[in-house]
Each structure stands twice: as structure tokens, then as C-alpha cells.
């Protein structure tokens, strides 16, 4: 249920990309250099997240990484420079309960945590650490917050949640505006993941109950729901991501083949063929690499993360990392 944030870092003049996986066994977060395959796992942070990692995001500048997790303080954030720095201080006002998803605003000046107890979403200014929590929205999400996303312009924020209408969206300007009207056709059930396309003209929600994915035009509010894909994801949608070019969309889901991907052009195209080597079990999170040339799926069952070349379809699965994540993968992000 993690959210994709894009960054490419530099070390000794060498371009470095990384991939992160949040998971349910200590150290709760695993990170690796990435270059068309996994490098040697980075050292764990000196101060670990306090419990199961549910979502992970890099800041847009790539100078920070945040993990939403179970157990107080429910969010952990670190400086990032080809590895973890010293954990930032916890926010003065913590999220109310289990952190399920985390997202940075496109300018990197705010951070949002979707969580399990009212108000279901907590947001903070961000400047190399947490500022004073913003006021809650006047109209709260209706249930447990599972995922959050800012639109590319940073002028809206959306929260996928557990109770009808299953998605809540608000204007954003260093705080919540008045909640947008619900879409005329709601997602069919519990919202798990949410994302905007790179142009900010569409929004997609992965959810339980057929058709498992709902997508809408976006222009300061929801447009008329797009037609369902002709071939649906096979089961509960847990995570969703658009490719960086906005020409493809992928849904991580609960039943084999565990990942479904489609061309996207203001609607779903014909589903791409499944990867020849499937993720091992339930897909929980999905992310495209910044160049759009790779795709990653965080999943239950070892190896907990599966990655593939991407070029209008899945290539041959990359080798597993030499040091695997230690437990079920819940979220993934490239920097």
C-alpha cells in the first residue's frame, strides 16, 4: 500500500537508484541499490521502525525515506543518502494509530500518513523533519485510512479508506480544504490504494470486491467513472500505480496472478500478459522505476519482492536479492 516517489541519488559522482520494501518482520524495512537488478542490501537503520512496515515512500528530492508502521509512533522517517541516516524525531502529535500508508507532497514540503483510528489521516509540514500537525479535515474520511496520495500539482490529497464512500479527496494548500463531492459511482468496497496519474488528470483506487479497481477523470473533483477493464484483476486490489509516462497502470491483488497491468489512455486498454514467473502470493504494493523500465511487486511469501523489466509488458523476472526482506512485503518504492 505504499506510494511511489521518484528520486535518483548520487554518491562519489556515480548515479544511484534504490528500491525499498516495507515488511512484517524486523527490521521492517529493506533497501537495496537498483540498476536493472538488486545490489547488496543497505545496512538497516540504527533505530528501526517500531513494528510491521505497511507503507514506504521516498521524498521527491530523495533526501528522506518514511515508513508507516504498526506500533507507536506509527511513522518513522530518516535522512537518505545511499543509506539510512539517524532517525528524525517523531512528530509532536503522532498519528492516532497504525500507519498504513505514507506520501510526500510533490514539492516535498508536506507528508501525509493514512492510519487506523480517527481522524484516519494526519498531515505535517516537512523540512528535514516533522513540523506541527495540520488541522484535521472538517469532514473526515469515513473509516480506516489505508492509503494516501497527493496529486502531481500538490493541490489535492486523496485518502483510500474502509467505509463508504471508500475514497475521500480534498483541496490541499498547506492544509485541507473542503472535501470534494464523492464520485457519482463509488468504488465497490474498501479502498486500499490510491494514486493520481503523472498528468494529474486521472485518479485510481484499488479496492475489495469486483471490479477491484476504479478509475476516474480528475479535475478539481471526480469525473464519471471510466469503464472497468475488460479483464479484471483477479481479486482484491491492494496497490495501484501508474507508469511515469502515464501510459500504463498496474494493480497488485490478492489472487493469482497477483499483478495485473494495462495500457492506459483515459481508460483501460487490453490487459498485458501475466509475467512468466509470477509473484509468489498476494500482491500488496506495486511501483514503477523512475525511468519506467522496471516494475516491482511487494507480496506475501518468499522472496517477498518480485521485479521485472517493463516495456509495454513484463520481461523476465530479475534475480531475487541476495539478502531477502525478512517477511511479507507490504509496500515498495523506487527512489
C-alpha atoms as a PDB file:
ATOM      1  CA  UNK A   1       0.000   0.000   0.000  1.00  0.00           C
ATOM      2  CA  UNK A   2       2.926   2.061  -0.378  1.00  0.00           C
ATOM      3  CA  UNK A   3       3.130   5.244  -2.601  1.00  0.00           C
ATOM      4  CA  UNK A   4       5.755   5.728  -5.374  1.00  0.00           C
ATOM      5  CA  UNK A   5       8.041   8.747  -5.062  1.00  0.00           C
ATOM      6  CA  UNK A   6      10.806   9.339  -7.591  1.00  0.00           C
ATOM      7  CA  UNK A   7      14.426  10.294  -6.984  1.00  0.00           C
ATOM      8  CA  UNK A   8      17.866   9.486  -8.261  1.00  0.00           C
ATOM      9  CA  UNK A   9      20.715   9.997  -5.809  1.00  0.00           C
ATOM     10  CA  UNK A  10      24.444  10.483  -6.287  1.00  0.00           C
ATOM     11  CA  UNK A  11      27.421   9.113  -4.431  1.00  0.00           C
ATOM     12  CA  UNK A  12      31.004   9.906  -5.406  1.00  0.00           C
ATOM     13  CA  UNK A  13      29.668  11.177  -8.733  1.00  0.00           C
ATOM     14  CA  UNK A  14      28.007   7.842  -9.516  1.00  0.00           C
ATOM     15  CA  UNK A  15      24.290   7.777 -10.199  1.00  0.00           C
ATOM     16  CA  UNK A  16      22.487   5.542  -7.708  1.00  0.00           C
ATOM     17  CA  UNK A  17      18.894   4.396  -7.684  1.00  0.00           C
ATOM     18  CA  UNK A  18      17.428   2.452  -4.785  1.00  0.00           C
ATOM     19  CA  UNK A  19      14.425   0.268  -4.100  1.00  0.00           C
ATOM     20  CA  UNK A  20      12.725  -0.091  -0.713  1.00  0.00           C
ATOM     21  CA  UNK A  21      10.413  -2.806   0.620  1.00  0.00           C
ATOM     22  CA  UNK A  22       8.351  -2.474   3.802  1.00  0.00           C
ATOM     23  CA  UNK A  23       7.581  -5.794   5.504  1.00  0.00           C
ATOM     24  CA  UNK A  24       6.212  -7.511   8.581  1.00  0.00           C
ATOM     25  CA  UNK A  25       9.312  -8.888  10.320  1.00  0.00           C
ATOM     26  CA  UNK A  26      12.149  -6.899  11.882  1.00  0.00           C
ATOM     27  CA  UNK A  27      13.875  -4.761  10.594  1.00  0.00           C
ATOM     28  CA  UNK A  28      10.528  -3.910   8.905  1.00  0.00           C
ATOM     29  CA  UNK A  29      12.232  -2.085   6.025  1.00  0.00           C
ATOM     30  CA  UNK A  30      14.796  -3.339   3.499  1.00  0.00           C
ATOM     31  CA  UNK A  31      16.551  -1.196   0.916  1.00  0.00           C
ATOM     32  CA  UNK A  32      18.858  -2.025  -1.972  1.00  0.00           C
ATOM     33  CA  UNK A  33      20.764  -0.247  -4.709  1.00  0.00           C
ATOM     34  CA  UNK A  34      18.936  -0.774  -8.001  1.00  0.00           C
ATOM     35  CA  UNK A  35      20.378  -0.978 -11.501  1.00  0.00           C
ATOM     36  CA  UNK A  36      18.301  -3.407 -13.567  1.00  0.00           C
ATOM     37  CA  UNK A  37      18.560  -5.718 -10.568  1.00  0.00           C
ATOM     38  CA  UNK A  38      19.266  -5.700  -6.846  1.00  0.00           C
ATOM     39  CA  UNK A  39      22.582  -4.663  -5.376  1.00  0.00           C
ATOM     40  CA  UNK A  40      23.836  -5.564  -1.909  1.00  0.00           C
ATOM     41  CA  UNK A  41      21.286  -4.693   0.772  1.00  0.00           C
ATOM     42  CA  UNK A  42      21.932  -1.427   2.584  1.00  0.00           C
ATOM     43  CA  UNK A  43      22.513  -1.583   6.326  1.00  0.00           C
ATOM     44  CA  UNK A  44      19.400  -1.406   8.462  1.00  0.00           C
ATOM     45  CA  UNK A  45      18.633   1.909  10.149  1.00  0.00           C
ATOM     46  CA  UNK A  46      20.208   2.259  13.596  1.00  0.00           C
ATOM     47  CA  UNK A  47      16.754   2.922  15.037  1.00  0.00           C
ATOM     48  CA  UNK A  48      14.254   0.593  13.414  1.00  0.00           C
ATOM     49  CA  UNK A  49      10.583   1.281  12.770  1.00  0.00           C
ATOM     50  CA  UNK A  50       8.691   0.117  15.857  1.00  0.00           C
ATOM     51  CA  UNK A  51       6.581  -2.541  14.141  1.00  0.00           C
ATOM     52  CA  UNK A  52       5.378  -4.014  10.856  1.00  0.00           C
ATOM     53  CA  UNK A  53       6.143  -1.725   7.941  1.00  0.00           C
ATOM     54  CA  UNK A  54       2.952  -1.148   5.962  1.00  0.00           C
ATOM     55  CA  UNK A  55       3.919   1.595   3.542  1.00  0.00           C
ATOM     56  CA  UNK A  56       7.089   3.307   2.348  1.00  0.00           C
ATOM     57  CA  UNK A  57       7.897   6.459   0.393  1.00  0.00           C
ATOM     58  CA  UNK A  58      10.967   8.463  -0.597  1.00  0.00           C
ATOM     59  CA  UNK A  59      10.757  12.245  -0.592  1.00  0.00           C
ATOM     60  CA  UNK A  60      10.750  13.788  -4.084  1.00  0.00           C
ATOM     61  CA  UNK A  61      14.272  15.142  -3.593  1.00  0.00           C
ATOM     62  CA  UNK A  62      15.344  11.715  -2.411  1.00  0.00           C
ATOM     63  CA  UNK A  63      16.832  13.051   0.800  1.00  0.00           C
ATOM     64  CA  UNK A  64      14.400  11.265   3.119  1.00  0.00           C
ATOM     65  CA  UNK A  65      12.577   7.955   3.418  1.00  0.00           C
ATOM     66  CA  UNK A  66       9.476   7.352   5.551  1.00  0.00           C
ATOM     67  CA  UNK A  67       7.855   4.134   6.762  1.00  0.00           C
ATOM     68  CA  UNK A  68       4.264   3.863   8.016  1.00  0.00           C
ATOM     69  CA  UNK A  69       4.068   1.084  10.593  1.00  0.00           C
ATOM     70  CA  UNK A  70       2.213  -0.620  13.418  1.00  0.00           C
ATOM     71  CA  UNK A  71       3.073   0.324  16.996  1.00  0.00           C
ATOM     72  CA  UNK A  72       3.628   3.845  18.286  1.00  0.00           C
ATOM     73  CA  UNK A  73       4.888   6.260  16.934  1.00  0.00           C
ATOM     74  CA  UNK A  74       3.283   4.754  13.762  1.00  0.00           C
ATOM     75  CA  UNK A  75       5.623   6.639  11.398  1.00  0.00           C
ATOM     76  CA  UNK A  76       9.421   6.604  11.116  1.00  0.00           C
ATOM     77  CA  UNK A  77      11.428   8.896   8.861  1.00  0.00           C
ATOM     78  CA  UNK A  78      15.135   9.040   8.096  1.00  0.00           C
ATOM     79  CA  UNK A  79      17.566  11.084   6.061  1.00  0.00           C
ATOM     80  CA  UNK A  80      18.520   9.134   2.934  1.00  0.00           C
ATOM     81  CA  UNK A  81      21.785   9.264   1.046  1.00  0.00           C
ATOM     82  CA  UNK A  82      22.538   5.816  -0.364  1.00  0.00           C
ATOM     83  CA  UNK A  83      21.594   4.514   3.078  1.00  0.00           C
ATOM     84  CA  UNK A  84      19.778   5.496   6.250  1.00  0.00           C
ATOM     85  CA  UNK A  85      20.793   8.432   8.393  1.00  0.00           C
ATOM     86  CA  UNK A  86      19.815   8.998  12.010  1.00  0.00           C
ATOM     87  CA  UNK A  87      16.060   8.728  12.509  1.00  0.00           C
ATOM     88  CA  UNK A  88      14.244  12.047  12.608  1.00  0.00           C
ATOM     89  CA  UNK A  89      12.431  12.973  15.813  1.00  0.00           C
ATOM     90  CA  UNK A  90       8.868  11.719  15.994  1.00  0.00           C
ATOM     91  CA  UNK A  91       6.146  14.247  15.262  1.00  0.00           C
ATOM     92  CA  UNK A  92       4.986  16.102  18.364  1.00  0.00           C
ATOM     93  CA  UNK A  93       1.430  14.950  17.648  1.00  0.00           C
ATOM     94  CA  UNK A  94       1.552  11.349  16.490  1.00  0.00           C
ATOM     95  CA  UNK A  95      -0.788   9.654  14.048  1.00  0.00           C
ATOM     96  CA  UNK A  96      -3.591   8.171  16.150  1.00  0.00           C
ATOM     97  CA  UNK A  97      -2.873   4.501  15.433  1.00  0.00           C
ATOM     98  CA  UNK A  98      -1.329   2.025  12.993  1.00  0.00           C
ATOM     99  CA  UNK A  99       0.176   3.770   9.989  1.00  0.00           C
ATOM    100  CA  UNK A 100      -0.945   2.082   6.776  1.00  0.00           C
ATOM    101  CA  UNK A 101       0.273   4.408   4.055  1.00  0.00           C
ATOM    102  CA  UNK A 102       2.569   7.407   3.653  1.00  0.00           C
ATOM    103  CA  UNK A 103       3.116  10.015   0.958  1.00  0.00           C
ATOM    104  CA  UNK A 104       5.181  13.169   0.485  1.00  0.00           C
ATOM    105  CA  UNK A 105       3.755  16.134  -1.405  1.00  0.00           C
ATOM    106  CA  UNK A 106       5.341  16.750  -4.836  1.00  0.00           C
ATOM    107  CA  UNK A 107       7.301  19.754  -3.530  1.00  0.00           C
ATOM    108  CA  UNK A 108       8.484  17.683  -0.566  1.00  0.00           C
ATOM    109  CA  UNK A 109       7.129  20.274   1.860  1.00  0.00           C
ATOM    110  CA  UNK A 110       4.402  18.116   3.413  1.00  0.00           C
ATOM    111  CA  UNK A 111       3.932  14.494   4.468  1.00  0.00           C
ATOM    112  CA  UNK A 112       0.711  12.517   4.961  1.00  0.00           C
ATOM    113  CA  UNK A 113       0.096   9.339   6.967  1.00  0.00           C
ATOM    114  CA  UNK A 114      -3.053   7.246   6.462  1.00  0.00           C
ATOM    115  CA  UNK A 115      -3.848   5.396   9.665  1.00  0.00           C
ATOM    116  CA  UNK A 116      -6.262   3.138  11.510  1.00  0.00           C
ATOM    117  CA  UNK A 117      -8.008   5.400  14.031  1.00  0.00           C
ATOM    118  CA  UNK A 118      -9.863   8.698  13.670  1.00  0.00           C
ATOM    119  CA  UNK A 119      -9.053  11.151  12.121  1.00  0.00           C
ATOM    120  CA  UNK A 120      -7.692   8.449   9.742  1.00  0.00           C
ATOM    121  CA  UNK A 121      -5.281  10.868   8.054  1.00  0.00           C
ATOM    122  CA  UNK A 122      -2.550  13.003   9.659  1.00  0.00           C
ATOM    123  CA  UNK A 123      -0.522  15.574   7.755  1.00  0.00           C
ATOM    124  CA  UNK A 124       2.531  17.610   8.672  1.00  0.00           C
ATOM    125  CA  UNK A 125       4.799  20.211   7.172  1.00  0.00           C
ATOM    126  CA  UNK A 126       8.090  18.596   6.201  1.00  0.00           C
ATOM    127  CA  UNK A 127      11.517  20.204   6.204  1.00  0.00           C
ATOM    128  CA  UNK A 128      14.125  17.625   7.166  1.00  0.00           C
ATOM    129  CA  UNK A 129      11.722  16.586   9.891  1.00  0.00           C
ATOM    130  CA  UNK A 130       8.112  16.857  11.008  1.00  0.00           C
ATOM    131  CA  UNK A 131       6.511  20.223  11.647  1.00  0.00           C
ATOM    132  CA  UNK A 132       3.396  20.905  13.712  1.00  0.00           C
ATOM    133  CA  UNK A 133       0.492  18.699  12.612  1.00  0.00           C
ATOM    134  CA  UNK A 134      -2.020  20.383  10.326  1.00  0.00           C
ATOM    135  CA  UNK A 135      -5.634  20.640  11.475  1.00  0.00           C
ATOM    136  CA  UNK A 136      -7.780  17.649  10.608  1.00  0.00           C
ATOM    137  CA  UNK A 137     -10.106  17.986   7.632  1.00  0.00           C
ATOM    138  CA  UNK A 138     -13.528  19.352   8.577  1.00  0.00           C
ATOM    139  CA  UNK A 139     -15.101  16.254   7.032  1.00  0.00           C
ATOM    140  CA  UNK A 140     -13.033  13.233   7.964  1.00  0.00           C
ATOM    141  CA  UNK A 141     -12.562  10.127   5.852  1.00  0.00           C
ATOM    142  CA  UNK A 142     -15.322   7.710   6.831  1.00  0.00           C
ATOM    143  CA  UNK A 143     -13.113   4.873   8.055  1.00  0.00           C
ATOM    144  CA  UNK A 144      -9.615   3.467   8.466  1.00  0.00           C
ATOM    145  CA  UNK A 145      -7.164   5.209   6.154  1.00  0.00           C
ATOM    146  CA  UNK A 146      -5.284   2.654   4.067  1.00  0.00           C
ATOM    147  CA  UNK A 147      -3.504   4.803   1.520  1.00  0.00           C
ATOM    148  CA  UNK A 148      -2.884   8.448   0.654  1.00  0.00           C
ATOM    149  CA  UNK A 149      -1.667  10.345  -2.383  1.00  0.00           C
ATOM    150  CA  UNK A 150      -1.103  13.943  -3.414  1.00  0.00           C
ATOM    151  CA  UNK A 151      -1.833  14.963  -6.985  1.00  0.00           C
ATOM    152  CA  UNK A 152       1.213  15.992  -9.065  1.00  0.00           C
ATOM    153  CA  UNK A 153       0.440  19.701  -8.691  1.00  0.00           C
ATOM    154  CA  UNK A 154       0.224  19.352  -4.909  1.00  0.00           C
ATOM    155  CA  UNK A 155      -3.218  20.955  -4.925  1.00  0.00           C
ATOM    156  CA  UNK A 156      -5.229  17.916  -3.830  1.00  0.00           C
ATOM    157  CA  UNK A 157      -4.892  14.954  -1.479  1.00  0.00           C
ATOM    158  CA  UNK A 158      -6.834  11.689  -1.600  1.00  0.00           C
ATOM    159  CA  UNK A 159      -7.333   9.007   1.065  1.00  0.00           C
ATOM    160  CA  UNK A 160      -8.454   5.427   0.385  1.00  0.00           C
ATOM    161  CA  UNK A 161     -10.406   4.098   3.348  1.00  0.00           C
ATOM    162  CA  UNK A 162     -12.563   1.294   4.709  1.00  0.00           C
ATOM    163  CA  UNK A 163     -16.100   2.684   4.881  1.00  0.00           C
ATOM    164  CA  UNK A 164     -18.360   4.053   2.167  1.00  0.00           C
ATOM    165  CA  UNK A 165     -17.629   6.162   0.088  1.00  0.00           C
ATOM    166  CA  UNK A 166     -14.225   4.362   0.298  1.00  0.00           C
ATOM    167  CA  UNK A 167     -12.349   7.378  -1.102  1.00  0.00           C
ATOM    168  CA  UNK A 168     -12.106  10.954   0.196  1.00  0.00           C
ATOM    169  CA  UNK A 169     -10.402  13.824  -1.628  1.00  0.00           C
ATOM    170  CA  UNK A 170      -9.677  17.391  -0.559  1.00  0.00           C
ATOM    171  CA  UNK A 171      -8.106  20.530  -1.960  1.00  0.00           C
ATOM    172  CA  UNK A 172      -4.643  20.961  -0.446  1.00  0.00           C
ATOM    173  CA  UNK A 173      -2.720  24.142   0.287  1.00  0.00           C
ATOM    174  CA  UNK A 174      -0.638  23.609   3.409  1.00  0.00           C
ATOM    175  CA  UNK A 175      -3.784  22.134   4.918  1.00  0.00           C
ATOM    176  CA  UNK A 176      -7.118  20.582   3.978  1.00  0.00           C
ATOM    177  CA  UNK A 177      -9.801  22.424   2.070  1.00  0.00           C
ATOM    178  CA  UNK A 178     -13.469  21.462   1.923  1.00  0.00           C
ATOM    179  CA  UNK A 179     -13.911  17.812   0.925  1.00  0.00           C
ATOM    180  CA  UNK A 180     -14.730  17.257  -2.726  1.00  0.00           C
ATOM    181  CA  UNK A 181     -18.039  15.619  -3.577  1.00  0.00           C
ATOM    182  CA  UNK A 182     -17.920  11.837  -3.688  1.00  0.00           C
ATOM    183  CA  UNK A 183     -17.689  10.236  -7.104  1.00  0.00           C
ATOM    184  CA  UNK A 184     -21.139   9.527  -8.570  1.00  0.00           C
ATOM    185  CA  UNK A 185     -20.150   5.869  -8.909  1.00  0.00           C
ATOM    186  CA  UNK A 186     -18.266   4.798  -5.790  1.00  0.00           C
ATOM    187  CA  UNK A 187     -15.529   2.201  -5.571  1.00  0.00           C
ATOM    188  CA  UNK A 188     -17.292  -1.089  -4.836  1.00  0.00           C
ATOM    189  CA  UNK A 189     -15.863  -1.599  -1.366  1.00  0.00           C
ATOM    190  CA  UNK A 190     -12.903  -0.919   0.952  1.00  0.00           C
ATOM    191  CA  UNK A 191     -10.307   1.330  -0.669  1.00  0.00           C
ATOM    192  CA  UNK A 192      -6.747   0.083  -0.189  1.00  0.00           C
ATOM    193  CA  UNK A 193      -4.520   2.086  -2.504  1.00  0.00           C
ATOM    194  CA  UNK A 194      -4.901   5.360  -4.377  1.00  0.00           C
ATOM    195  CA  UNK A 195      -2.825   7.195  -6.963  1.00  0.00           C
ATOM    196  CA  UNK A 196      -3.030  10.037  -9.454  1.00  0.00           C
ATOM    197  CA  UNK A 197      -1.607   9.715 -12.947  1.00  0.00           C
ATOM    198  CA  UNK A 198       1.501  11.824 -13.698  1.00  0.00           C
ATOM    199  CA  UNK A 199      -0.542  14.436 -15.576  1.00  0.00           C
ATOM    200  CA  UNK A 200      -2.931  14.772 -12.638  1.00  0.00           C
ATOM    201  CA  UNK A 201      -5.902  14.189 -14.929  1.00  0.00           C
ATOM    202  CA  UNK A 202      -6.939  10.773 -13.565  1.00  0.00           C
ATOM    203  CA  UNK A 203      -7.227   9.054 -10.187  1.00  0.00           C
ATOM    204  CA  UNK A 204      -7.366   5.315  -9.471  1.00  0.00           C
ATOM    205  CA  UNK A 205      -8.450   3.385  -6.377  1.00  0.00           C
ATOM    206  CA  UNK A 206      -7.602  -0.275  -5.696  1.00  0.00           C
ATOM    207  CA  UNK A 207     -10.343  -1.900  -3.610  1.00  0.00           C
ATOM    208  CA  UNK A 208     -12.007  -5.068  -2.387  1.00  0.00           C
ATOM    209  CA  UNK A 209     -14.973  -6.511  -4.327  1.00  0.00           C
ATOM    210  CA  UNK A 210     -15.241  -6.777  -8.079  1.00  0.00           C
ATOM    211  CA  UNK A 211     -14.136  -4.928 -10.245  1.00  0.00           C
ATOM    212  CA  UNK A 212     -11.245  -4.411  -7.745  1.00  0.00           C
ATOM    213  CA  UNK A 213     -10.103  -1.168  -9.409  1.00  0.00           C
ATOM    214  CA  UNK A 214     -11.982   2.082 -10.014  1.00  0.00           C
ATOM    215  CA  UNK A 215     -10.603   4.957 -12.075  1.00  0.00           C
ATOM    216  CA  UNK A 216     -11.957   8.448 -12.709  1.00  0.00           C
ATOM    217  CA  UNK A 217     -11.049  11.588 -14.600  1.00  0.00           C
ATOM    218  CA  UNK A 218      -9.803  14.235 -12.159  1.00  0.00           C
ATOM    219  CA  UNK A 219     -10.172  17.997 -12.446  1.00  0.00           C
ATOM    220  CA  UNK A 220     -10.616  19.515  -9.004  1.00  0.00           C
ATOM    221  CA  UNK A 221     -13.033  16.675  -8.338  1.00  0.00           C
ATOM    222  CA  UNK A 222     -14.121  13.290  -9.642  1.00  0.00           C
ATOM    223  CA  UNK A 223     -15.447  12.867 -13.149  1.00  0.00           C
ATOM    224  CA  UNK A 224     -17.579   9.999 -14.431  1.00  0.00           C
ATOM    225  CA  UNK A 225     -16.014   6.630 -13.631  1.00  0.00           C
ATOM    226  CA  UNK A 226     -14.127   5.027 -16.502  1.00  0.00           C
ATOM    227  CA  UNK A 227     -15.372   1.686 -17.798  1.00  0.00           C
ATOM    228  CA  UNK A 228     -13.954  -1.316 -15.978  1.00  0.00           C
ATOM    229  CA  UNK A 229     -11.132  -3.159 -17.686  1.00  0.00           C
ATOM    230  CA  UNK A 230     -12.391  -5.963 -19.965  1.00  0.00           C
ATOM    231  CA  UNK A 231     -10.254  -8.419 -17.993  1.00  0.00           C
ATOM    232  CA  UNK A 232     -10.478  -7.555 -14.309  1.00  0.00           C
ATOM    233  CA  UNK A 233      -7.803  -8.056 -11.688  1.00  0.00           C
ATOM    234  CA  UNK A 234      -8.447 -11.497 -10.224  1.00  0.00           C
ATOM    235  CA  UNK A 235      -9.281 -10.397  -6.685  1.00  0.00           C
ATOM    236  CA  UNK A 236      -8.968  -7.671  -4.038  1.00  0.00           C
ATOM    237  CA  UNK A 237      -6.891  -4.756  -5.280  1.00  0.00           C
ATOM    238  CA  UNK A 238      -4.287  -3.757  -2.695  1.00  0.00           C
ATOM    239  CA  UNK A 239      -1.953  -1.393  -4.501  1.00  0.00           C
ATOM    240  CA  UNK A 240      -2.049   0.641  -7.689  1.00  0.00           C
ATOM    241  CA  UNK A 241       0.488   2.659  -9.695  1.00  0.00           C
ATOM    242  CA  UNK A 242       0.708   4.494 -12.990  1.00  0.00           C
ATOM    243  CA  UNK A 243       3.908   4.321 -15.010  1.00  0.00           C
ATOM    244  CA  UNK A 244       5.948   7.556 -15.060  1.00  0.00           C
ATOM    245  CA  UNK A 245       4.829   8.265 -18.625  1.00  0.00           C
ATOM    246  CA  UNK A 246       1.213   7.666 -17.611  1.00  0.00           C
ATOM    247  CA  UNK A 247       0.756   5.125 -20.386  1.00  0.00           C
ATOM    248  CA  UNK A 248       0.315   2.059 -18.169  1.00  0.00           C
ATOM    249  CA  UNK A 249      -1.403   1.185 -14.897  1.00  0.00           C
ATOM    250  CA  UNK A 250      -0.714  -1.782 -12.612  1.00  0.00           C
ATOM    251  CA  UNK A 251      -2.765  -3.300  -9.789  1.00  0.00           C
ATOM    252  CA  UNK A 252      -1.319  -5.582  -7.089  1.00  0.00           C
ATOM    253  CA  UNK A 253      -4.012  -8.004  -5.947  1.00  0.00           C
ATOM    254  CA  UNK A 254      -4.827 -10.947  -3.721  1.00  0.00           C
ATOM    255  CA  UNK A 255      -5.246 -13.938  -6.052  1.00  0.00           C
ATOM    256  CA  UNK A 256      -3.059 -15.455  -8.755  1.00  0.00           C
ATOM    257  CA  UNK A 257      -1.533 -13.956 -10.911  1.00  0.00           C
ATOM    258  CA  UNK A 258      -1.202 -11.359  -8.082  1.00  0.00           C
ATOM    259  CA  UNK A 259      -0.462  -8.496 -10.506  1.00  0.00           C
ATOM    260  CA  UNK A 260      -2.479  -7.071 -13.401  1.00  0.00           C
ATOM    261  CA  UNK A 261      -1.251  -4.377 -15.787  1.00  0.00           C
ATOM    262  CA  UNK A 262      -2.971  -2.480 -18.583  1.00  0.00           C
ATOM    263  CA  UNK A 263      -2.212   0.188 -21.150  1.00  0.00           C
ATOM    264  CA  UNK A 264      -3.743   3.485 -20.057  1.00  0.00           C
ATOM    265  CA  UNK A 265      -5.103   6.290 -22.199  1.00  0.00           C
ATOM    266  CA  UNK A 266      -8.017   7.908 -20.380  1.00  0.00           C
ATOM    267  CA  UNK A 267      -9.217   4.366 -19.730  1.00  0.00           C
ATOM    268  CA  UNK A 268      -8.041   0.774 -19.577  1.00  0.00           C
ATOM    269  CA  UNK A 269      -6.630  -0.989 -22.601  1.00  0.00           C
ATOM    270  CA  UNK A 270      -6.343  -4.743 -23.092  1.00  0.00           C
ATOM    271  CA  UNK A 271      -4.643  -6.417 -20.133  1.00  0.00           C
ATOM    272  CA  UNK A 272      -0.990  -7.255 -20.655  1.00  0.00           C
ATOM    273  CA  UNK A 273       0.076 -10.895 -20.476  1.00  0.00           C
ATOM    274  CA  UNK A 274       0.969 -12.104 -16.999  1.00  0.00           C
ATOM    275  CA  UNK A 275       4.650 -12.313 -16.146  1.00  0.00           C
ATOM    276  CA  UNK A 276       6.095 -15.730 -16.972  1.00  0.00           C
ATOM    277  CA  UNK A 277       7.265 -16.035 -13.364  1.00  0.00           C
ATOM    278  CA  UNK A 278       4.503 -14.766 -11.098  1.00  0.00           C
ATOM    279  CA  UNK A 279       4.901 -13.083  -7.722  1.00  0.00           C
ATOM    280  CA  UNK A 280       4.764 -15.844  -5.121  1.00  0.00           C
ATOM    281  CA  UNK A 281       1.495 -14.821  -3.449  1.00  0.00           C
ATOM    282  CA  UNK A 282      -0.789 -11.882  -2.613  1.00  0.00           C
ATOM    283  CA  UNK A 283       0.429  -8.655  -4.195  1.00  0.00           C
ATOM    284  CA  UNK A 284       0.286  -5.799  -1.703  1.00  0.00           C
ATOM    285  CA  UNK A 285       2.217  -2.961  -3.310  1.00  0.00           C
ATOM    286  CA  UNK A 286       3.424  -2.057  -6.785  1.00  0.00           C
ATOM    287  CA  UNK A 287       5.778   0.582  -8.166  1.00  0.00           C
ATOM    288  CA  UNK A 288       7.401   1.506 -11.461  1.00  0.00           C
ATOM    289  CA  UNK A 289      11.017   2.668 -11.573  1.00  0.00           C
ATOM    290  CA  UNK A 290      11.612   6.376 -12.303  1.00  0.00           C
ATOM    291  CA  UNK A 291      12.554   5.644 -15.922  1.00  0.00           C
ATOM    292  CA  UNK A 292       9.552   3.353 -16.306  1.00  0.00           C
ATOM    293  CA  UNK A 293      11.793   0.496 -17.385  1.00  0.00           C
ATOM    294  CA  UNK A 294      11.195  -1.735 -14.357  1.00  0.00           C
ATOM    295  CA  UNK A 295       8.262  -2.737 -12.164  1.00  0.00           C
ATOM    296  CA  UNK A 296       8.269  -4.132  -8.621  1.00  0.00           C
ATOM    297  CA  UNK A 297       5.613  -6.035  -6.675  1.00  0.00           C
ATOM    298  CA  UNK A 298       5.747  -6.430  -2.882  1.00  0.00           C
ATOM    299  CA  UNK A 299       4.000  -9.630  -1.884  1.00  0.00           C
ATOM    300  CA  UNK A 300       3.451 -12.256   0.767  1.00  0.00           C
ATOM    301  CA  UNK A 301       5.571 -15.435   0.669  1.00  0.00           C
ATOM    302  CA  UNK A 302       9.290 -15.551  -0.001  1.00  0.00           C
ATOM    303  CA  UNK A 303      11.061 -13.818  -1.777  1.00  0.00           C
ATOM    304  CA  UNK A 304       8.590 -11.056  -0.715  1.00  0.00           C
ATOM    305  CA  UNK A 305       9.555  -8.803  -3.626  1.00  0.00           C
ATOM    306  CA  UNK A 306       9.468  -9.568  -7.365  1.00  0.00           C
ATOM    307  CA  UNK A 307      10.856  -7.249 -10.022  1.00  0.00           C
ATOM    308  CA  UNK A 308      10.672  -7.293 -13.806  1.00  0.00           C
ATOM    309  CA  UNK A 309      11.879  -5.270 -16.756  1.00  0.00           C
ATOM    310  CA  UNK A 310       8.987  -3.270 -18.180  1.00  0.00           C
ATOM    311  CA  UNK A 311       8.412  -2.289 -21.786  1.00  0.00           C
ATOM    312  CA  UNK A 312       4.692  -2.322 -22.540  1.00  0.00           C
ATOM    313  CA  UNK A 313       4.609  -5.631 -20.687  1.00  0.00           C
ATOM    314  CA  UNK A 314       6.579  -7.786 -18.270  1.00  0.00           C
ATOM    315  CA  UNK A 315      10.048  -9.034 -19.108  1.00  0.00           C
ATOM    316  CA  UNK A 316      11.855 -11.956 -17.488  1.00  0.00           C
ATOM    317  CA  UNK A 317      11.886 -11.686 -13.697  1.00  0.00           C
ATOM    318  CA  UNK A 318      15.072 -10.301 -12.207  1.00  0.00           C
ATOM    319  CA  UNK A 319      17.053 -12.460  -9.779  1.00  0.00           C
ATOM    320  CA  UNK A 320      15.964 -12.170  -6.155  1.00  0.00           C
ATOM    321  CA  UNK A 321      18.088 -10.020  -3.860  1.00  0.00           C
ATOM    322  CA  UNK A 322      20.934 -11.946  -2.217  1.00  0.00           C
ATOM    323  CA  UNK A 323      19.563 -10.874   1.175  1.00  0.00           C
ATOM    324  CA  UNK A 324      15.790 -11.110   1.081  1.00  0.00           C
ATOM    325  CA  UNK A 325      13.378  -8.976   3.035  1.00  0.00           C
ATOM    326  CA  UNK A 326      12.667 -10.877   6.240  1.00  0.00           C
ATOM    327  CA  UNK A 327       8.897 -11.102   5.940  1.00  0.00           C
ATOM    328  CA  UNK A 328       5.786 -10.444   3.889  1.00  0.00           C
ATOM    329  CA  UNK A 329       6.229  -7.439   1.618  1.00  0.00           C
ATOM    330  CA  UNK A 330       3.550  -4.776   2.068  1.00  0.00           C
ATOM    331  CA  UNK A 331       4.828  -1.768   0.128  1.00  0.00           C
ATOM    332  CA  UNK A 332       7.576  -0.863  -2.288  1.00  0.00           C
ATOM    333  CA  UNK A 333       9.054   2.294  -3.792  1.00  0.00           C
ATOM    334  CA  UNK A 334      11.923   3.249  -6.069  1.00  0.00           C
ATOM    335  CA  UNK A 335      13.781   6.483  -5.353  1.00  0.00           C
END
